[in-house]
N, C-alpha and C. Protein backbone atom coordinates (compact mmCIF):
# COMPACT_ATOMS: atom_id res chain seq x y z
N MET A 1 -30.11 39.60 -1.46
CA MET A 1 -30.23 40.67 -1.50
C MET A 1 -29.19 41.51 -2.65
N THR A 2 -28.01 41.06 -2.57
CA THR A 2 -27.01 41.73 -3.30
C THR A 2 -27.05 41.02 -4.75
N THR A 3 -27.48 39.63 -4.79
CA THR A 3 -27.66 38.88 -6.15
C THR A 3 -29.13 39.75 -6.56
N ASN A 4 -29.70 40.41 -6.21
CA ASN A 4 -31.02 41.02 -6.59
C ASN A 4 -30.17 42.69 -7.34
N LEU A 5 -29.59 42.85 -6.56
CA LEU A 5 -29.02 43.86 -7.40
C LEU A 5 -27.81 43.94 -7.88
N HIS A 6 -27.36 42.94 -8.19
CA HIS A 6 -26.18 42.69 -9.37
C HIS A 6 -27.18 42.30 -10.69
N PHE A 7 -28.36 41.88 -10.09
CA PHE A 7 -29.20 41.35 -11.72
C PHE A 7 -29.94 42.99 -12.09
N VAL A 8 -30.20 43.98 -11.42
CA VAL A 8 -30.73 45.14 -11.70
C VAL A 8 -29.73 45.73 -12.61
N ASN A 9 -28.42 46.11 -12.03
CA ASN A 9 -27.23 46.81 -12.49
C ASN A 9 -27.17 46.06 -13.73
N ASN A 10 -27.04 44.69 -13.76
CA ASN A 10 -26.67 44.32 -15.03
C ASN A 10 -27.68 44.27 -16.15
N PHE A 11 -29.34 44.27 -15.77
CA PHE A 11 -30.02 44.69 -16.45
C PHE A 11 -30.31 46.04 -17.30
N SER A 12 -29.71 46.89 -16.38
CA SER A 12 -29.89 48.11 -17.00
C SER A 12 -28.96 48.49 -18.21
N GLU A 13 -27.45 48.10 -17.61
CA GLU A 13 -26.18 48.05 -18.45
C GLU A 13 -26.44 47.30 -19.68
N VAL A 14 -27.11 46.26 -19.83
CA VAL A 14 -27.58 45.59 -21.02
C VAL A 14 -28.59 46.22 -21.69
N SER A 15 -29.76 46.56 -21.05
CA SER A 15 -30.41 47.63 -21.82
C SER A 15 -30.08 48.38 -22.71
N ILE A 16 -29.07 49.49 -21.89
CA ILE A 16 -28.74 50.86 -22.38
C ILE A 16 -27.89 50.30 -23.75
N ASP A 17 -27.12 49.05 -23.88
CA ASP A 17 -26.68 48.18 -25.14
C ASP A 17 -27.30 48.19 -25.93
N LEU A 18 -28.46 47.53 -25.63
CA LEU A 18 -29.54 47.20 -26.35
C LEU A 18 -29.87 48.33 -27.35
N ILE A 19 -30.36 49.61 -26.46
CA ILE A 19 -30.71 50.97 -27.09
C ILE A 19 -29.82 51.55 -28.05
N GLY A 20 -28.78 51.13 -28.08
CA GLY A 20 -27.18 51.47 -28.62
C GLY A 20 -27.64 50.67 -29.86
N GLU A 21 -27.83 49.75 -29.78
CA GLU A 21 -27.99 48.30 -31.22
C GLU A 21 -29.36 49.03 -31.68
N LEU A 22 -30.36 49.49 -31.11
CA LEU A 22 -31.42 49.98 -31.55
C LEU A 22 -31.60 51.08 -32.22
N LYS A 23 -30.55 52.29 -31.81
CA LYS A 23 -30.38 53.46 -32.45
C LYS A 23 -29.46 52.86 -33.60
N GLU A 24 -28.47 52.08 -33.87
CA GLU A 24 -27.45 51.95 -35.36
C GLU A 24 -28.68 50.97 -36.37
N GLY A 25 -29.68 50.63 -36.07
CA GLY A 25 -30.59 49.41 -36.89
C GLY A 25 -31.88 49.84 -37.24
N PRO A 26 -33.01 49.68 -36.01
CA PRO A 26 -34.18 50.03 -36.95
C PRO A 26 -34.41 51.19 -36.85
N PHE A 27 -33.87 51.91 -35.92
CA PHE A 27 -34.13 53.30 -35.61
C PHE A 27 -34.08 54.23 -36.63
N GLN A 28 -32.56 53.94 -37.75
CA GLN A 28 -32.39 54.64 -38.78
C GLN A 28 -33.55 54.26 -39.90
N GLN A 29 -34.30 53.47 -39.78
CA GLN A 29 -35.71 53.20 -40.70
C GLN A 29 -36.70 54.36 -40.49
N LEU A 30 -36.54 55.14 -39.39
CA LEU A 30 -37.71 55.73 -38.96
C LEU A 30 -37.56 56.75 -40.06
N PRO A 31 -38.85 57.77 -40.05
CA PRO A 31 -39.12 58.84 -40.99
C PRO A 31 -38.62 59.62 -40.28
N PRO A 32 -38.12 61.00 -40.93
CA PRO A 32 -37.39 62.04 -40.10
C PRO A 32 -37.90 62.61 -39.09
N ALA A 33 -39.22 62.87 -39.67
CA ALA A 33 -40.42 63.35 -38.50
C ALA A 33 -40.57 62.49 -37.28
N GLU A 34 -40.45 60.88 -37.54
CA GLU A 34 -40.68 60.47 -35.99
C GLU A 34 -39.23 60.30 -35.13
N LYS A 35 -38.15 60.49 -36.01
CA LYS A 35 -36.84 60.15 -35.41
C LYS A 35 -36.79 61.33 -34.09
N ALA A 36 -36.49 62.43 -34.50
CA ALA A 36 -36.77 63.07 -33.22
C ALA A 36 -37.50 62.85 -32.21
N TYR A 37 -38.61 62.34 -32.03
CA TYR A 37 -39.82 61.86 -31.13
C TYR A 37 -38.98 60.98 -30.15
N ALA A 38 -38.98 59.79 -31.17
CA ALA A 38 -38.10 58.33 -30.55
C ALA A 38 -36.94 58.51 -30.04
N ASP A 39 -36.03 59.63 -30.87
CA ASP A 39 -34.57 59.84 -30.22
C ASP A 39 -34.65 60.28 -28.41
N ASP A 40 -35.85 61.51 -28.60
CA ASP A 40 -36.29 61.79 -27.20
C ASP A 40 -36.48 60.77 -26.08
N ILE A 41 -37.29 59.90 -26.58
CA ILE A 41 -37.95 58.94 -25.93
C ILE A 41 -36.34 57.65 -25.45
N LEU A 42 -35.60 57.68 -26.37
CA LEU A 42 -34.50 56.74 -26.36
C LEU A 42 -33.57 57.30 -25.06
N ALA A 43 -33.69 58.62 -25.51
CA ALA A 43 -32.57 59.70 -24.30
C ALA A 43 -32.85 59.56 -22.88
N THR A 44 -34.22 59.57 -23.12
CA THR A 44 -34.55 59.60 -21.57
C THR A 44 -34.78 58.06 -20.96
N LEU A 45 -35.02 57.50 -21.54
CA LEU A 45 -35.44 55.67 -21.46
C LEU A 45 -33.33 55.48 -20.81
N ILE A 46 -32.15 56.28 -21.54
CA ILE A 46 -30.92 55.84 -21.47
C ILE A 46 -30.86 56.23 -19.82
N GLN A 47 -31.17 57.78 -19.86
CA GLN A 47 -30.87 58.41 -18.30
C GLN A 47 -31.33 57.89 -17.20
N SER A 48 -32.97 57.29 -17.50
CA SER A 48 -33.52 56.22 -16.67
C SER A 48 -32.51 54.81 -15.78
N LEU A 49 -32.12 54.48 -16.94
CA LEU A 49 -31.38 52.85 -16.79
C LEU A 49 -29.99 53.38 -16.25
N GLN A 50 -29.41 54.80 -16.59
CA GLN A 50 -28.30 54.99 -15.80
C GLN A 50 -28.52 55.36 -14.53
N LYS A 51 -29.33 56.06 -14.13
CA LYS A 51 -29.63 56.67 -12.39
C LYS A 51 -30.08 54.56 -11.91
N ILE A 52 -30.96 54.05 -12.37
CA ILE A 52 -31.05 52.34 -11.68
C ILE A 52 -29.84 52.21 -11.69
N SER A 53 -28.96 52.17 -12.61
CA SER A 53 -27.64 51.72 -12.36
C SER A 53 -26.82 52.17 -11.07
N HIS A 54 -26.69 53.29 -11.29
CA HIS A 54 -25.83 54.31 -10.36
C HIS A 54 -26.81 54.13 -8.85
N HIS A 55 -27.70 54.26 -8.67
CA HIS A 55 -28.44 54.06 -7.08
C HIS A 55 -28.39 52.36 -7.11
N GLY A 56 -28.64 51.72 -7.90
CA GLY A 56 -28.10 50.61 -7.72
C GLY A 56 -27.23 50.09 -7.11
N GLY A 57 -25.40 50.56 -7.97
CA GLY A 57 -24.48 50.64 -6.97
C GLY A 57 -24.32 51.11 -5.91
N ARG A 58 -24.65 51.92 -5.55
CA ARG A 58 -24.49 52.46 -4.21
C ARG A 58 -25.36 51.66 -3.30
N ALA A 59 -26.65 51.30 -3.37
CA ALA A 59 -27.23 50.39 -2.39
C ALA A 59 -26.52 48.84 -2.45
N SER A 60 -25.69 48.28 -3.37
CA SER A 60 -25.02 47.58 -3.65
C SER A 60 -23.91 47.64 -2.41
N ALA A 61 -23.38 48.79 -2.55
CA ALA A 61 -22.22 49.11 -1.58
C ALA A 61 -22.57 49.20 -0.12
N ILE A 62 -23.50 49.87 0.31
CA ILE A 62 -24.33 50.12 1.49
C ILE A 62 -24.65 48.49 2.05
N VAL A 63 -24.92 47.82 1.12
CA VAL A 63 -25.57 46.08 1.66
C VAL A 63 -24.26 45.37 1.85
N ASN A 64 -23.18 45.83 0.80
CA ASN A 64 -21.99 44.85 1.31
C ASN A 64 -21.19 45.41 2.48
N GLY A 65 -21.20 46.42 3.04
CA GLY A 65 -20.66 47.44 4.20
C GLY A 65 -21.20 46.99 5.50
N MET A 66 -22.70 46.75 5.37
CA MET A 66 -23.37 46.36 6.33
C MET A 66 -23.08 44.79 6.66
N VAL A 67 -23.08 43.96 5.70
CA VAL A 67 -22.89 42.65 5.35
C VAL A 67 -21.35 42.52 6.09
N GLU A 68 -20.71 43.16 5.63
CA GLU A 68 -19.70 43.07 6.15
C GLU A 68 -18.98 43.20 7.79
N HIS A 69 -19.76 44.38 8.23
CA HIS A 69 -19.43 44.57 9.29
C HIS A 69 -20.13 43.68 10.23
N SER A 70 -21.27 42.98 9.47
CA SER A 70 -22.21 41.68 10.64
C SER A 70 -21.23 40.72 10.95
N ARG A 71 -20.28 40.72 9.81
CA ARG A 71 -19.51 39.70 9.76
C ARG A 71 -18.02 39.77 10.47
N SER A 72 -18.11 40.94 10.45
CA SER A 72 -16.43 41.27 11.04
C SER A 72 -15.92 40.93 12.82
N GLY A 73 -17.19 40.37 13.18
CA GLY A 73 -16.69 40.49 14.61
C GLY A 73 -17.11 39.26 15.30
N THR A 74 -16.82 38.44 16.65
CA THR A 74 -17.26 37.66 17.64
C THR A 74 -18.20 37.93 18.15
N GLY A 75 -18.69 39.31 18.46
CA GLY A 75 -19.72 39.65 19.49
C GLY A 75 -19.29 40.13 21.15
N GLU A 76 -17.95 39.95 21.24
CA GLU A 76 -17.12 40.15 21.94
C GLU A 76 -16.42 41.63 22.04
N LYS A 77 -16.16 42.22 23.26
CA LYS A 77 -15.87 43.72 23.25
C LYS A 77 -14.41 43.44 22.88
N ARG A 78 -14.25 44.82 22.32
CA ARG A 78 -12.67 45.03 21.59
C ARG A 78 -12.43 46.49 21.52
N PRO A 79 -11.11 46.86 21.97
CA PRO A 79 -10.70 48.32 21.71
C PRO A 79 -11.52 48.96 20.05
N THR A 80 -12.49 49.45 20.57
CA THR A 80 -12.39 50.25 18.87
C THR A 80 -12.50 52.05 18.99
N ASP A 81 -12.24 52.22 18.03
CA ASP A 81 -12.31 54.01 17.76
C ASP A 81 -13.91 54.14 17.70
N LEU A 82 -14.29 54.66 18.66
CA LEU A 82 -15.82 55.22 18.80
C LEU A 82 -15.73 56.15 17.67
N ASN A 83 -15.14 57.16 17.53
CA ASN A 83 -15.26 57.90 16.53
C ASN A 83 -15.03 57.81 15.12
N ALA A 84 -14.43 56.99 14.67
CA ALA A 84 -14.61 56.19 13.65
C ALA A 84 -15.70 55.88 13.39
N LEU A 85 -15.96 55.10 14.25
CA LEU A 85 -17.48 54.00 14.30
C LEU A 85 -18.36 54.67 13.63
N ALA A 86 -18.56 55.84 14.88
CA ALA A 86 -19.75 56.83 14.78
C ALA A 86 -19.91 57.38 13.36
N ASN A 87 -18.75 57.99 12.62
CA ASN A 87 -18.75 58.49 11.23
C ASN A 87 -19.15 57.35 10.51
N GLU A 88 -18.52 56.33 10.56
CA GLU A 88 -18.88 55.40 9.45
C GLU A 88 -20.14 55.07 9.52
N TYR A 89 -20.81 54.76 10.73
CA TYR A 89 -22.32 54.95 10.33
C TYR A 89 -23.33 55.44 10.15
N LEU A 90 -22.64 57.15 10.25
CA LEU A 90 -23.37 58.20 10.02
C LEU A 90 -23.44 57.97 8.63
N LYS A 91 -22.38 57.75 7.74
CA LYS A 91 -22.36 57.77 6.02
C LYS A 91 -23.21 56.89 5.72
N ILE A 92 -23.26 55.32 6.46
CA ILE A 92 -24.12 54.50 5.88
C ILE A 92 -25.54 55.04 5.88
N ALA A 93 -25.81 55.42 7.15
CA ALA A 93 -27.12 55.69 7.36
C ALA A 93 -27.39 56.94 6.03
N TYR A 94 -26.67 57.95 5.93
CA TYR A 94 -26.89 59.22 4.97
C TYR A 94 -27.29 58.30 3.50
N GLN A 95 -25.96 57.63 3.17
CA GLN A 95 -26.37 56.82 2.01
C GLN A 95 -27.83 56.28 1.87
N GLY A 96 -28.30 55.33 2.96
CA GLY A 96 -29.47 54.60 3.00
C GLY A 96 -30.51 55.26 2.57
N MET A 97 -30.49 56.36 3.58
CA MET A 97 -31.59 57.78 2.95
C MET A 97 -31.65 58.01 1.70
N ARG A 98 -30.28 58.81 0.90
CA ARG A 98 -30.21 59.19 -0.20
C ARG A 98 -31.07 57.75 -0.98
N ALA A 99 -30.75 56.58 -0.59
CA ALA A 99 -30.74 55.74 -2.16
C ALA A 99 -32.67 55.31 -1.60
N LYS A 100 -33.33 55.76 -0.56
CA LYS A 100 -34.67 55.56 -0.56
C LYS A 100 -35.04 56.69 -1.22
N ASP A 101 -34.44 58.35 -1.16
CA ASP A 101 -35.32 59.45 -1.58
C ASP A 101 -33.94 60.42 -2.00
N ILE A 102 -33.92 60.14 -3.46
CA ILE A 102 -32.66 61.00 -3.97
C ILE A 102 -32.69 62.36 -3.96
N ASN A 103 -33.84 62.98 -3.54
CA ASN A 103 -33.96 64.30 -3.09
C ASN A 103 -33.62 64.91 -1.65
N PHE A 104 -33.51 63.54 -0.83
CA PHE A 104 -32.76 64.41 0.32
C PHE A 104 -31.52 64.36 0.43
N THR A 105 -31.29 65.51 1.15
CA THR A 105 -29.94 66.31 0.99
C THR A 105 -29.99 66.77 2.97
N ALA A 106 -28.62 66.83 2.97
CA ALA A 106 -28.23 67.15 4.57
C ALA A 106 -27.03 67.27 4.47
N GLU A 107 -26.63 68.22 5.32
CA GLU A 107 -25.09 68.52 5.41
C GLU A 107 -24.82 68.22 7.01
N LEU A 108 -23.92 66.81 6.88
CA LEU A 108 -22.83 66.02 7.61
C LEU A 108 -22.08 66.65 8.58
N LYS A 109 -22.34 67.31 9.44
CA LYS A 109 -21.41 68.34 10.44
C LYS A 109 -20.90 67.23 11.65
N THR A 110 -20.00 66.99 11.93
CA THR A 110 -19.31 66.21 13.27
C THR A 110 -18.37 66.98 14.04
N ASP A 111 -18.57 66.59 15.24
CA ASP A 111 -17.79 67.30 16.33
C ASP A 111 -17.04 66.28 17.14
N PHE A 112 -16.42 65.28 16.56
CA PHE A 112 -16.12 64.57 17.39
C PHE A 112 -14.53 64.58 18.53
N TRP A 113 -14.72 63.96 19.30
CA TRP A 113 -13.20 64.01 20.68
C TRP A 113 -12.17 63.65 20.02
N PRO A 114 -11.09 64.10 19.53
CA PRO A 114 -9.85 63.47 19.17
C PRO A 114 -9.55 62.76 20.20
N GLN A 115 -9.32 63.10 21.73
CA GLN A 115 -8.43 62.38 22.57
C GLN A 115 -9.32 61.58 23.24
N LEU A 116 -10.34 60.61 22.52
CA LEU A 116 -11.10 59.95 23.30
C LEU A 116 -10.21 58.53 23.08
N GLY A 117 -9.39 58.14 21.81
CA GLY A 117 -8.82 57.22 21.90
C GLY A 117 -9.84 55.55 21.67
N LYS A 118 -9.57 54.77 22.01
CA LYS A 118 -10.09 53.19 21.92
C LYS A 118 -11.10 53.02 22.92
N VAL A 119 -12.17 52.59 22.88
CA VAL A 119 -13.27 52.10 23.99
C VAL A 119 -13.18 50.89 23.86
N ASP A 120 -13.45 50.28 24.67
CA ASP A 120 -13.98 48.86 24.72
C ASP A 120 -15.48 48.38 24.52
N MET A 121 -15.69 48.28 23.45
CA MET A 121 -17.29 47.75 23.51
C MET A 121 -17.48 46.51 22.16
N ILE A 122 -18.64 46.23 21.95
CA ILE A 122 -19.08 45.59 20.90
C ILE A 122 -19.35 46.18 19.53
N PRO A 123 -18.54 46.44 18.72
CA PRO A 123 -18.53 47.74 18.08
C PRO A 123 -20.04 47.02 16.66
N GLN A 124 -20.21 45.89 16.64
CA GLN A 124 -21.51 45.92 16.00
C GLN A 124 -22.88 46.36 16.53
N GLU A 125 -22.61 45.95 17.95
CA GLU A 125 -23.84 46.43 18.43
C GLU A 125 -24.05 47.90 18.92
N ILE A 126 -23.02 48.63 18.82
CA ILE A 126 -23.21 49.86 18.89
C ILE A 126 -23.06 50.57 17.45
N GLY A 127 -22.76 49.62 16.77
CA GLY A 127 -22.93 50.33 15.34
C GLY A 127 -24.44 50.20 14.79
N ARG A 128 -25.45 49.24 15.41
CA ARG A 128 -26.35 48.96 15.21
C ARG A 128 -27.37 50.37 15.89
N VAL A 129 -27.26 50.51 17.20
CA VAL A 129 -27.53 51.62 17.82
C VAL A 129 -27.23 52.97 16.98
N LEU A 130 -26.19 53.07 16.80
CA LEU A 130 -25.77 54.45 16.23
C LEU A 130 -26.89 54.35 14.69
N LEU A 131 -26.83 53.44 13.98
CA LEU A 131 -27.84 53.14 12.75
C LEU A 131 -29.11 53.71 13.24
N ASN A 132 -29.59 53.15 14.19
CA ASN A 132 -30.65 53.24 14.27
C ASN A 132 -31.55 54.91 14.72
N LEU A 133 -30.35 55.65 15.45
CA LEU A 133 -30.43 56.99 15.64
C LEU A 133 -30.44 57.64 14.85
N TYR A 134 -29.26 57.40 13.99
CA TYR A 134 -29.03 58.54 12.77
C TYR A 134 -30.14 58.39 11.64
N ASN A 135 -30.95 57.10 11.56
CA ASN A 135 -31.88 57.02 10.61
C ASN A 135 -33.09 57.29 11.01
N ASN A 136 -33.30 57.36 12.47
CA ASN A 136 -34.49 57.96 13.02
C ASN A 136 -34.28 59.89 12.73
N ALA A 137 -32.86 60.09 12.96
CA ALA A 137 -32.70 61.66 12.89
C ALA A 137 -33.21 62.16 11.40
N PHE A 138 -32.70 61.28 10.39
CA PHE A 138 -32.64 61.65 8.90
C PHE A 138 -33.97 61.94 8.83
N TYR A 139 -35.00 60.63 9.19
CA TYR A 139 -35.91 60.82 9.10
C TYR A 139 -37.15 61.88 9.65
N ALA A 140 -36.67 62.21 10.89
CA ALA A 140 -37.47 63.27 11.22
C ALA A 140 -36.94 64.79 10.88
N VAL A 141 -35.81 64.64 10.09
CA VAL A 141 -35.51 65.92 9.54
C VAL A 141 -36.26 65.92 7.69
N LYS A 142 -36.22 65.06 7.59
CA LYS A 142 -37.06 65.09 5.99
C LYS A 142 -38.80 65.32 6.34
N GLU A 143 -38.77 64.59 7.59
CA GLU A 143 -40.18 64.82 7.92
C GLU A 143 -40.56 66.39 7.99
N LYS A 144 -39.39 66.82 8.33
CA LYS A 144 -40.03 68.37 9.18
C LYS A 144 -39.70 69.38 7.89
N LYS A 145 -38.87 68.99 7.28
CA LYS A 145 -39.06 70.00 5.71
C LYS A 145 -40.12 69.63 4.57
N GLU A 146 -40.51 68.68 4.94
CA GLU A 146 -41.88 67.92 4.16
C GLU A 146 -42.82 68.68 4.55
N ASN A 147 -43.16 69.02 5.76
CA ASN A 147 -44.27 69.72 6.44
C ASN A 147 -44.03 70.95 7.22
N THR A 148 -42.74 71.75 6.35
CA THR A 148 -42.61 73.06 6.68
C THR A 148 -43.24 73.89 5.72
N PRO A 149 -43.90 74.87 5.81
CA PRO A 149 -44.16 75.81 4.52
C PRO A 149 -43.41 76.54 4.26
N HIS A 150 -43.19 76.47 2.68
CA HIS A 150 -42.30 77.13 2.00
C HIS A 150 -42.31 78.78 1.83
């Protein structure tokens, strides 16, 4: 999957470069009346490609983080900072939701128990549980917002 994301990011960057070459070459041959129209189209295209690159980079970071988590453990219990784990998966879930829907926003408020200390657990399994809970919560918030009359 990360290979596909790299391809998308590289494709958008190369396309932006090609648009720059187009503006320096053939674009200059257009009559003045058509230049403004063509310039608007090219500007919109550049903005779209920049958004693709930006969101592709975010998606790539999310995928890399999830892959790293899945490889980082042996599946055995170990002392884990549950507060940090919960916070990290909250951010991963939020970025994942934002990657799916760029209009989704939520204020992330946490109230962790600082005295908790480390807890013996299998972090990957608890992380998957937290990720599912957060994803379900974000989905419910999104659905409620979409179905609530303004």
